[in-house]
Amino acid sequence: MIVAVAAVVVASITSASSVLAVDDPILERRTIGASVQGRPIEAMRVGAKGGPVVVVVGVIHGNEAAGLAITDELLTMKAPKGVELWIVPTMNPDGTALDQRGNANLVDLNRNFPYAWSKMGKPGYWQYAGPTRASEPETKAMVAFFRSIKPDLGIWYHQDLNMISPGKGFEGRVREKYSQLTGLPLKRITGGTYTGVAATWQRSTFPGVGAFVVELGETLSASDAVVHAQAVHIVSMMVRDR
């Protein structure tokens, strides 16, 4: 489905957006930037403007692509009434195409966001943070896009720890609900050096509910992708109704 989506996106990388027919679940398509190798980074809106803004990012690490099945499913579903839902299938199209964690510069994009960034490693290191904060075109594109839509909630898919880290306050309740709906256990995520992280940058930059990471397992069945897409809708309604 990603190929099909790419085929209908406006060819120019600099085009702002295109508004589609109202009977299409996808109400707006944007090319928000381009990767190191020139692949478009795409965002689709499947909810009417005016309500709380929820963003779902299917892939940030290119070799953790199970989230694409969830974003594919979300792109066939109308968003809950009163929710402005945006879908970014992959913010790392080069990594997705090359089946590698980092982008074409071997930068771990989830260590490259500008909040709490620090130098880490060099090309070839699995968590290489890049030469400077937000150095990569993919990061720049996402920062600019998020600043334009000012999201209330972000959901970022990763693999393959099969868990969701618990949170506090209302965001913690959203995470707990997502856990209950999908069967992913609530456990503290450890095992990396967490600097320049996308979800942390979002949480620190935009007032609202926040952002959280969903760690999928090694594989994701078609039926499980539907469960996750439905969970996105349910927690989006929690944000709308709070």
Protein backbone atom coordinates (compact mmCIF):
# COMPACT_ATOMS: atom_id res chain seq x y z
CA MET A 1 0.00 0.00 0.00
CA ILE A 2 2.91 2.36 0.61
CA VAL A 3 3.83 2.15 -3.10
CA ALA A 4 0.23 2.98 -4.00
CA VAL A 5 0.23 5.98 -1.67
CA ALA A 6 3.52 7.24 -3.10
CA ALA A 7 2.17 7.01 -6.64
CA VAL A 8 -0.58 9.54 -5.98
CA VAL A 9 1.45 12.05 -3.97
CA VAL A 10 2.30 15.29 -5.74
CA ALA A 11 5.65 14.86 -7.46
CA SER A 12 7.21 18.06 -6.17
CA ILE A 13 8.89 17.68 -2.79
CA THR A 14 8.08 21.31 -2.02
CA SER A 15 4.34 21.00 -2.59
CA ALA A 16 2.45 21.85 0.58
CA SER A 17 -0.63 19.63 0.33
CA SER A 18 -3.53 18.38 -1.76
CA VAL A 19 -7.11 18.10 -0.57
CA LEU A 20 -9.06 15.06 -1.77
CA ALA A 21 -12.69 14.07 -2.19
CA VAL A 22 -14.70 13.95 1.01
CA ASP A 23 -15.68 10.29 0.52
CA ASP A 24 -12.02 9.21 0.64
CA PRO A 25 -10.85 8.32 4.19
CA ILE A 26 -7.70 10.26 3.33
CA LEU A 27 -8.75 13.90 3.41
CA GLU A 28 -5.32 15.42 2.78
CA ARG A 29 -1.92 14.24 1.57
CA ARG A 30 1.31 16.13 2.11
CA THR A 31 4.88 15.60 1.04
CA ILE A 32 6.57 17.11 4.09
CA GLY A 33 10.18 16.62 3.01
CA ALA A 34 12.66 14.27 1.41
CA SER A 35 15.19 11.74 2.64
CA VAL A 36 18.94 11.83 2.08
CA GLN A 37 18.44 9.83 -1.13
CA GLY A 38 15.51 11.95 -2.28
CA ARG A 39 12.60 9.72 -1.30
CA PRO A 40 9.46 11.63 -0.26
CA ILE A 41 8.36 11.70 3.36
CA GLU A 42 4.58 11.61 3.34
CA ALA A 43 1.84 12.52 5.80
CA MET A 44 -1.88 11.82 5.37
CA ARG A 45 -4.77 13.32 7.29
CA VAL A 46 -7.78 11.05 7.93
CA GLY A 47 -9.69 13.26 10.35
CA ALA A 48 -11.41 16.62 10.01
CA LYS A 49 -9.54 19.69 11.20
CA GLY A 50 -10.54 21.41 14.38
CA GLY A 51 -10.30 18.68 17.01
CA PRO A 52 -7.31 17.41 18.98
CA VAL A 53 -4.41 16.48 16.72
CA VAL A 54 -3.11 12.91 16.94
CA VAL A 55 -0.07 11.76 14.92
CA VAL A 56 0.91 8.16 14.27
CA VAL A 57 4.41 7.36 12.94
CA GLY A 58 4.75 3.84 11.59
CA VAL A 59 8.53 3.68 11.15
CA ILE A 60 11.50 5.65 12.45
CA HIS A 61 14.05 2.81 12.47
CA GLY A 62 14.08 1.45 8.94
CA ASN A 63 14.48 -2.19 9.93
CA GLU A 64 11.53 -2.00 12.34
CA ALA A 65 8.78 -1.88 9.73
CA ALA A 66 5.87 -3.77 11.33
CA GLY A 67 4.19 -0.45 12.07
CA LEU A 68 3.50 -0.07 8.34
CA ALA A 69 0.76 -2.70 8.62
CA ILE A 70 -0.94 -0.51 11.24
CA THR A 71 -0.62 2.71 9.25
CA ASP A 72 -1.90 0.89 6.15
CA GLU A 73 -4.97 -0.15 8.14
CA LEU A 74 -5.50 3.35 9.55
CA LEU A 75 -5.45 4.78 6.03
CA THR A 76 -8.52 2.69 5.16
CA MET A 77 -10.50 3.88 8.22
CA LYS A 78 -12.27 7.15 8.85
CA ALA A 79 -10.97 8.84 11.97
CA PRO A 80 -13.23 9.17 15.01
CA LYS A 81 -15.48 12.21 14.85
CA GLY A 82 -13.79 15.27 16.27
CA VAL A 83 -10.21 13.94 15.93
CA GLU A 84 -7.66 15.33 13.48
CA LEU A 85 -5.63 12.19 12.84
CA TRP A 86 -2.39 12.33 10.85
CA ILE A 87 -0.53 9.25 9.59
CA VAL A 88 3.18 9.21 8.68
CA PRO A 89 3.90 5.67 7.41
CA THR A 90 7.69 6.11 7.56
CA MET A 91 9.84 9.11 8.44
CA ASN A 92 12.87 7.08 7.31
CA PRO A 93 12.09 5.94 3.75
CA ASP A 94 15.75 5.26 2.93
CA GLY A 95 16.16 3.06 5.98
CA THR A 96 12.91 1.30 5.14
CA ALA A 97 14.06 0.65 1.56
CA LEU A 98 17.52 -0.48 2.69
CA ASP A 99 16.23 -2.49 5.68
CA GLN A 100 18.61 -0.75 8.06
CA ARG A 101 18.09 1.04 11.37
CA GLY A 102 19.49 4.43 10.40
CA ASN A 103 19.01 6.64 7.38
CA ALA A 104 21.28 6.66 4.33
CA ASN A 105 23.87 8.60 6.40
CA LEU A 106 23.72 5.79 9.01
CA VAL A 107 22.23 8.20 11.54
CA ASP A 108 19.82 6.77 14.10
CA LEU A 109 16.98 9.26 13.61
CA ASN A 110 15.62 8.44 17.06
CA ARG A 111 18.82 9.91 18.51
CA ASN A 112 18.88 12.97 16.22
CA PHE A 113 15.98 15.10 17.49
CA PRO A 114 16.96 18.48 18.94
CA TYR A 115 15.77 18.04 22.54
CA ALA A 116 18.46 16.72 24.92
CA TRP A 117 20.68 15.79 21.96
CA SER A 118 24.33 14.92 22.49
CA LYS A 119 27.09 13.50 20.33
CA MET A 120 27.14 9.73 20.34
CA GLY A 121 29.18 7.34 18.24
CA LYS A 122 30.09 7.64 14.58
CA PRO A 123 28.73 6.16 11.33
CA GLY A 124 28.48 2.40 11.85
CA TYR A 125 27.56 2.65 15.53
CA TRP A 126 23.98 1.43 15.97
CA GLN A 127 22.90 4.55 17.88
CA TYR A 128 24.97 7.11 15.95
CA ALA A 129 23.30 10.43 16.79
CA GLY A 130 24.59 12.38 13.80
CA PRO A 131 27.14 15.22 13.61
CA THR A 132 24.80 17.84 15.13
CA ARG A 133 21.29 18.03 16.59
CA ALA A 134 18.58 17.66 13.92
CA SER A 135 21.29 17.34 11.27
CA GLU A 136 19.30 15.00 9.03
CA PRO A 137 16.75 16.05 6.41
CA GLU A 138 14.27 13.51 7.76
CA THR A 139 14.49 14.99 11.25
CA LYS A 140 14.19 18.53 9.92
CA ALA A 141 11.09 17.54 7.93
CA MET A 142 9.38 16.01 10.96
CA VAL A 143 10.25 18.94 13.24
CA ALA A 144 8.79 21.40 10.73
CA PHE A 145 5.69 19.26 10.17
CA PHE A 146 5.00 18.84 13.86
CA ARG A 147 5.46 22.57 14.44
CA SER A 148 2.87 23.21 11.73
CA ILE A 149 0.19 20.89 13.15
CA LYS A 150 1.03 21.11 16.91
CA PRO A 151 0.03 17.57 17.92
CA ASP A 152 -1.73 16.78 21.18
CA LEU A 153 -0.71 13.10 21.10
CA GLY A 154 1.93 11.13 19.23
CA ILE A 155 2.22 7.34 18.84
CA TRP A 156 5.56 6.06 17.55
CA TYR A 157 5.98 2.40 16.51
CA HIS A 158 9.16 0.42 17.14
CA GLN A 159 10.22 -3.24 17.40
CA ASP A 160 10.71 -5.74 18.83
CA LEU A 161 10.58 -5.51 22.64
CA ASN A 162 6.84 -6.24 22.71
CA MET A 163 5.90 -3.73 25.41
CA ILE A 164 4.81 -0.22 26.27
CA SER A 165 6.59 1.80 28.92
CA PRO A 166 4.22 3.03 31.68
CA GLY A 167 3.60 6.75 32.07
CA LYS A 168 2.14 9.24 34.52
CA GLY A 169 -1.07 11.24 34.67
CA PHE A 170 -3.46 11.26 31.74
CA GLU A 171 -0.74 10.14 29.32
CA GLY A 172 -0.13 7.16 31.60
CA ARG A 173 -3.82 6.28 31.41
CA VAL A 174 -3.69 6.50 27.61
CA ARG A 175 -0.71 4.15 27.55
CA GLU A 176 -2.47 1.77 29.94
CA LYS A 177 -5.60 1.73 27.77
CA TYR A 178 -3.54 1.02 24.66
CA SER A 179 -1.83 -1.81 26.53
CA GLN A 180 -5.16 -3.30 27.59
CA LEU A 181 -6.59 -3.10 24.08
CA THR A 182 -3.60 -4.71 22.35
CA GLY A 183 -2.27 -7.09 25.00
CA LEU A 184 1.18 -5.47 25.04
CA PRO A 185 2.45 -5.49 28.65
CA LEU A 186 3.37 -2.30 30.46
CA LYS A 187 7.09 -2.54 31.23
CA ARG A 188 9.87 -0.01 31.55
CA ILE A 189 11.85 0.14 28.28
CA THR A 190 15.61 -0.06 28.80
CA GLY A 191 18.66 -1.03 26.81
CA GLY A 192 19.72 2.10 24.94
CA THR A 193 21.22 5.54 25.48
CA TYR A 194 18.22 7.81 25.18
CA THR A 195 19.32 11.18 23.83
CA GLY A 196 17.67 13.13 21.01
CA VAL A 197 14.61 10.83 21.14
CA ALA A 198 11.65 11.74 18.91
CA ALA A 199 8.84 11.05 21.40
CA THR A 200 10.70 12.88 24.19
CA TRP A 201 11.23 15.86 21.90
CA GLN A 202 7.52 15.91 21.04
CA ARG A 203 6.50 15.65 24.70
CA SER A 204 8.82 18.49 25.70
CA THR A 205 7.89 20.76 22.80
CA PHE A 206 4.09 20.66 22.55
CA PRO A 207 1.57 21.14 25.34
CA GLY A 208 -1.01 18.40 25.39
CA VAL A 209 -1.23 14.74 26.30
CA GLY A 210 2.29 13.84 25.14
CA ALA A 211 3.79 11.01 23.12
CA PHE A 212 4.64 7.38 23.65
CA VAL A 213 6.45 4.49 22.00
CA VAL A 214 4.73 1.22 21.13
CA GLU A 215 7.26 -1.60 20.95
CA LEU A 216 5.77 -4.27 18.71
CA GLY A 217 7.02 -7.86 18.61
CA GLU A 218 9.16 -9.48 15.93
CA THR A 219 6.14 -9.96 13.64
CA LEU A 220 2.65 -8.52 13.40
CA SER A 221 -0.28 -10.41 11.86
CA ALA A 222 -2.94 -8.73 9.74
CA SER A 223 -5.50 -9.27 12.49
CA ASP A 224 -3.19 -7.74 15.09
CA ALA A 225 -2.67 -4.71 12.84
CA VAL A 226 -6.44 -4.19 12.90
CA VAL A 227 -6.43 -4.42 16.71
CA HIS A 228 -3.71 -1.77 16.93
CA ALA A 229 -5.50 0.53 14.47
CA GLN A 230 -8.67 0.25 16.53
CA ALA A 231 -6.65 1.00 19.67
CA VAL A 232 -5.36 4.19 18.02
CA HIS A 233 -8.94 5.28 17.45
CA ILE A 234 -10.00 4.50 21.01
CA VAL A 235 -7.14 6.38 22.67
CA SER A 236 -7.70 9.25 20.23
CA MET A 237 -11.27 9.47 21.52
CA MET A 238 -9.90 9.52 25.07
CA VAL A 239 -7.91 12.61 24.12
CA ARG A 240 -10.97 14.16 22.47
CA ASP A 241 -13.24 13.50 25.44
CA ARG A 242 -10.93 14.33 28.36
